[in-house]
Amino acid sequence: MTIPATSDDLKAYLRRQLGPNADEVLLDCLAVAILRRHAEAPELAEAEMHKLLGLLYADLMLHRAS
């Protein structure tokens, strides 16, 4: 997966990955952070994005379980 070029496209991708209950502020922050990282080091940005998504998904599952 390549990182989408626009913040809106990236937020749509993140929303699909995290589910419909993902917080809009969280999506905005993630999109900005990922796009900035992509501008700095494109070769690392995709792997870091997937790592962040994995951590956030695990956190969401823990909150739902409690």
N, C-alpha and C. Protein backbone atom coordinates (compact mmCIF):
# COMPACT_ATOMS: atom_id res chain seq x y z
N MET A 1 0.84 -1.16 0.00
CA MET A 1 0.00 0.00 0.00
C MET A 1 0.88 1.23 0.00
N THR A 2 0.63 2.14 -0.89
CA THR A 2 1.35 3.39 -0.86
C THR A 2 0.54 4.41 -0.07
N ILE A 3 1.22 5.33 0.53
CA ILE A 3 0.55 6.34 1.34
C ILE A 3 -0.17 7.31 0.43
N PRO A 4 -1.46 7.53 0.65
CA PRO A 4 -2.21 8.48 -0.18
C PRO A 4 -1.60 9.88 -0.11
N ALA A 5 -1.74 10.63 -1.18
CA ALA A 5 -1.10 11.94 -1.29
C ALA A 5 -1.81 13.03 -0.51
N THR A 6 -3.11 12.86 -0.29
CA THR A 6 -3.84 13.93 0.40
C THR A 6 -4.28 13.48 1.79
N SER A 7 -4.47 14.45 2.65
CA SER A 7 -4.91 14.17 4.01
C SER A 7 -6.28 13.50 4.02
N ASP A 8 -7.19 13.96 3.16
CA ASP A 8 -8.54 13.37 3.12
C ASP A 8 -8.50 11.91 2.69
N ASP A 9 -7.70 11.59 1.68
CA ASP A 9 -7.58 10.20 1.24
C ASP A 9 -6.95 9.33 2.32
N LEU A 10 -5.95 9.88 2.99
CA LEU A 10 -5.30 9.14 4.07
C LEU A 10 -6.27 8.92 5.23
N LYS A 11 -7.03 9.94 5.60
CA LYS A 11 -8.02 9.78 6.67
C LYS A 11 -9.08 8.75 6.29
N ALA A 12 -9.49 8.70 5.05
CA ALA A 12 -10.46 7.69 4.61
C ALA A 12 -9.86 6.29 4.76
N TYR A 13 -8.59 6.13 4.39
CA TYR A 13 -7.92 4.84 4.55
C TYR A 13 -7.82 4.47 6.03
N LEU A 14 -7.40 5.43 6.86
CA LEU A 14 -7.28 5.16 8.29
C LEU A 14 -8.63 4.80 8.91
N ARG A 15 -9.69 5.49 8.48
CA ARG A 15 -11.04 5.20 8.98
C ARG A 15 -11.44 3.77 8.62
N ARG A 16 -11.13 3.34 7.41
CA ARG A 16 -11.45 1.96 7.02
C ARG A 16 -10.67 0.97 7.87
N GLN A 17 -9.42 1.29 8.22
CA GLN A 17 -8.60 0.38 9.00
C GLN A 17 -9.02 0.34 10.47
N LEU A 18 -9.40 1.49 11.02
CA LEU A 18 -9.71 1.56 12.45
C LEU A 18 -11.19 1.41 12.76
N GLY A 19 -12.04 1.49 11.75
CA GLY A 19 -13.46 1.29 11.97
C GLY A 19 -14.21 2.61 12.04
N PRO A 20 -15.53 2.51 11.94
CA PRO A 20 -16.36 3.72 11.86
C PRO A 20 -16.40 4.53 13.14
N ASN A 21 -15.99 3.97 14.26
CA ASN A 21 -16.02 4.70 15.53
C ASN A 21 -14.73 5.44 15.83
N ALA A 22 -13.80 5.46 14.87
CA ALA A 22 -12.54 6.16 15.10
C ALA A 22 -12.80 7.65 15.28
N ASP A 23 -12.14 8.22 16.24
CA ASP A 23 -12.29 9.63 16.56
C ASP A 23 -11.71 10.50 15.44
N GLU A 24 -12.45 11.53 15.04
CA GLU A 24 -12.02 12.41 13.95
C GLU A 24 -10.74 13.16 14.28
N VAL A 25 -10.58 13.59 15.53
CA VAL A 25 -9.37 14.30 15.93
C VAL A 25 -8.17 13.35 15.83
N LEU A 26 -8.36 12.11 16.26
CA LEU A 26 -7.30 11.12 16.14
C LEU A 26 -6.93 10.91 14.68
N LEU A 27 -7.92 10.79 13.81
CA LEU A 27 -7.64 10.60 12.39
C LEU A 27 -6.89 11.80 11.80
N ASP A 28 -7.28 13.01 12.19
CA ASP A 28 -6.58 14.21 11.72
C ASP A 28 -5.12 14.20 12.16
N CYS A 29 -4.90 13.89 13.43
CA CYS A 29 -3.53 13.87 13.97
C CYS A 29 -2.68 12.81 13.28
N LEU A 30 -3.25 11.63 13.11
CA LEU A 30 -2.52 10.56 12.44
C LEU A 30 -2.17 10.93 11.01
N ALA A 31 -3.13 11.50 10.30
CA ALA A 31 -2.89 11.87 8.90
C ALA A 31 -1.77 12.90 8.80
N VAL A 32 -1.80 13.90 9.66
CA VAL A 32 -0.75 14.93 9.63
C VAL A 32 0.61 14.31 9.96
N ALA A 33 0.66 13.49 11.00
CA ALA A 33 1.93 12.87 11.40
C ALA A 33 2.48 11.97 10.30
N ILE A 34 1.63 11.18 9.69
CA ILE A 34 2.07 10.26 8.64
C ILE A 34 2.54 11.03 7.41
N LEU A 35 1.80 12.05 7.00
CA LEU A 35 2.20 12.83 5.83
C LEU A 35 3.51 13.59 6.08
N ARG A 36 3.69 14.10 7.29
CA ARG A 36 4.97 14.76 7.62
C ARG A 36 6.11 13.78 7.57
N ARG A 37 5.90 12.60 8.15
CA ARG A 37 6.96 11.58 8.14
C ARG A 37 7.26 11.14 6.72
N HIS A 38 6.24 11.05 5.91
CA HIS A 38 6.43 10.66 4.52
C HIS A 38 7.27 11.71 3.78
N ALA A 39 7.05 12.98 4.09
CA ALA A 39 7.84 14.04 3.46
C ALA A 39 9.31 13.97 3.90
N GLU A 40 9.54 13.57 5.15
CA GLU A 40 10.90 13.49 5.69
C GLU A 40 11.64 12.24 5.23
N ALA A 41 10.96 11.12 5.28
CA ALA A 41 11.61 9.83 4.98
C ALA A 41 10.59 8.87 4.37
N PRO A 42 10.32 9.01 3.09
CA PRO A 42 9.28 8.19 2.46
C PRO A 42 9.52 6.68 2.61
N GLU A 43 10.78 6.28 2.67
CA GLU A 43 11.07 4.85 2.75
C GLU A 43 10.68 4.25 4.10
N LEU A 44 10.53 5.08 5.13
CA LEU A 44 10.16 4.60 6.46
C LEU A 44 8.70 4.82 6.79
N ALA A 45 8.06 5.74 6.12
CA ALA A 45 6.72 6.18 6.50
C ALA A 45 5.69 5.06 6.45
N GLU A 46 5.72 4.24 5.42
CA GLU A 46 4.71 3.20 5.30
C GLU A 46 4.82 2.18 6.42
N ALA A 47 6.02 1.72 6.72
CA ALA A 47 6.20 0.76 7.81
C ALA A 47 5.79 1.36 9.15
N GLU A 48 6.13 2.63 9.37
CA GLU A 48 5.74 3.28 10.61
C GLU A 48 4.23 3.46 10.70
N MET A 49 3.59 3.74 9.57
CA MET A 49 2.14 3.88 9.56
C MET A 49 1.48 2.56 9.97
N HIS A 50 1.97 1.45 9.43
CA HIS A 50 1.38 0.16 9.77
C HIS A 50 1.63 -0.20 11.24
N LYS A 51 2.78 0.18 11.76
CA LYS A 51 3.08 -0.06 13.17
C LYS A 51 2.11 0.75 14.04
N LEU A 52 1.90 2.02 13.71
CA LEU A 52 0.95 2.85 14.45
C LEU A 52 -0.45 2.28 14.40
N LEU A 53 -0.88 1.84 13.23
CA LEU A 53 -2.21 1.27 13.09
C LEU A 53 -2.37 0.02 13.95
N GLY A 54 -1.34 -0.80 13.98
CA GLY A 54 -1.39 -2.00 14.81
C GLY A 54 -1.52 -1.67 16.29
N LEU A 55 -0.76 -0.68 16.74
CA LEU A 55 -0.84 -0.27 18.14
C LEU A 55 -2.19 0.33 18.48
N LEU A 56 -2.71 1.17 17.59
CA LEU A 56 -4.02 1.78 17.84
C LEU A 56 -5.13 0.74 17.83
N TYR A 57 -5.06 -0.20 16.91
CA TYR A 57 -6.08 -1.25 16.85
C TYR A 57 -6.06 -2.08 18.14
N ALA A 58 -4.87 -2.43 18.61
CA ALA A 58 -4.76 -3.19 19.86
C ALA A 58 -5.33 -2.39 21.02
N ASP A 59 -5.04 -1.09 21.06
CA ASP A 59 -5.56 -0.24 22.12
C ASP A 59 -7.09 -0.16 22.06
N LEU A 60 -7.64 -0.04 20.87
CA LEU A 60 -9.09 0.00 20.73
C LEU A 60 -9.73 -1.30 21.22
N MET A 61 -9.11 -2.43 20.90
CA MET A 61 -9.64 -3.72 21.33
C MET A 61 -9.59 -3.85 22.85
N LEU A 62 -8.53 -3.33 23.48
CA LEU A 62 -8.44 -3.39 24.94
C LEU A 62 -9.53 -2.55 25.59
N HIS A 63 -9.79 -1.38 25.03
CA HIS A 63 -10.83 -0.51 25.59
C HIS A 63 -12.22 -1.13 25.40
N ARG A 64 -12.44 -1.78 24.30
CA ARG A 64 -13.74 -2.42 24.07
C ARG A 64 -13.94 -3.61 25.00
N ALA A 65 -12.85 -4.30 25.32
CA ALA A 65 -12.94 -5.48 26.19
C ALA A 65 -13.17 -5.10 27.65
N SER A 66 -12.80 -3.90 28.02
CA SER A 66 -12.94 -3.53 29.45
C SER A 66 -14.26 -2.87 29.76
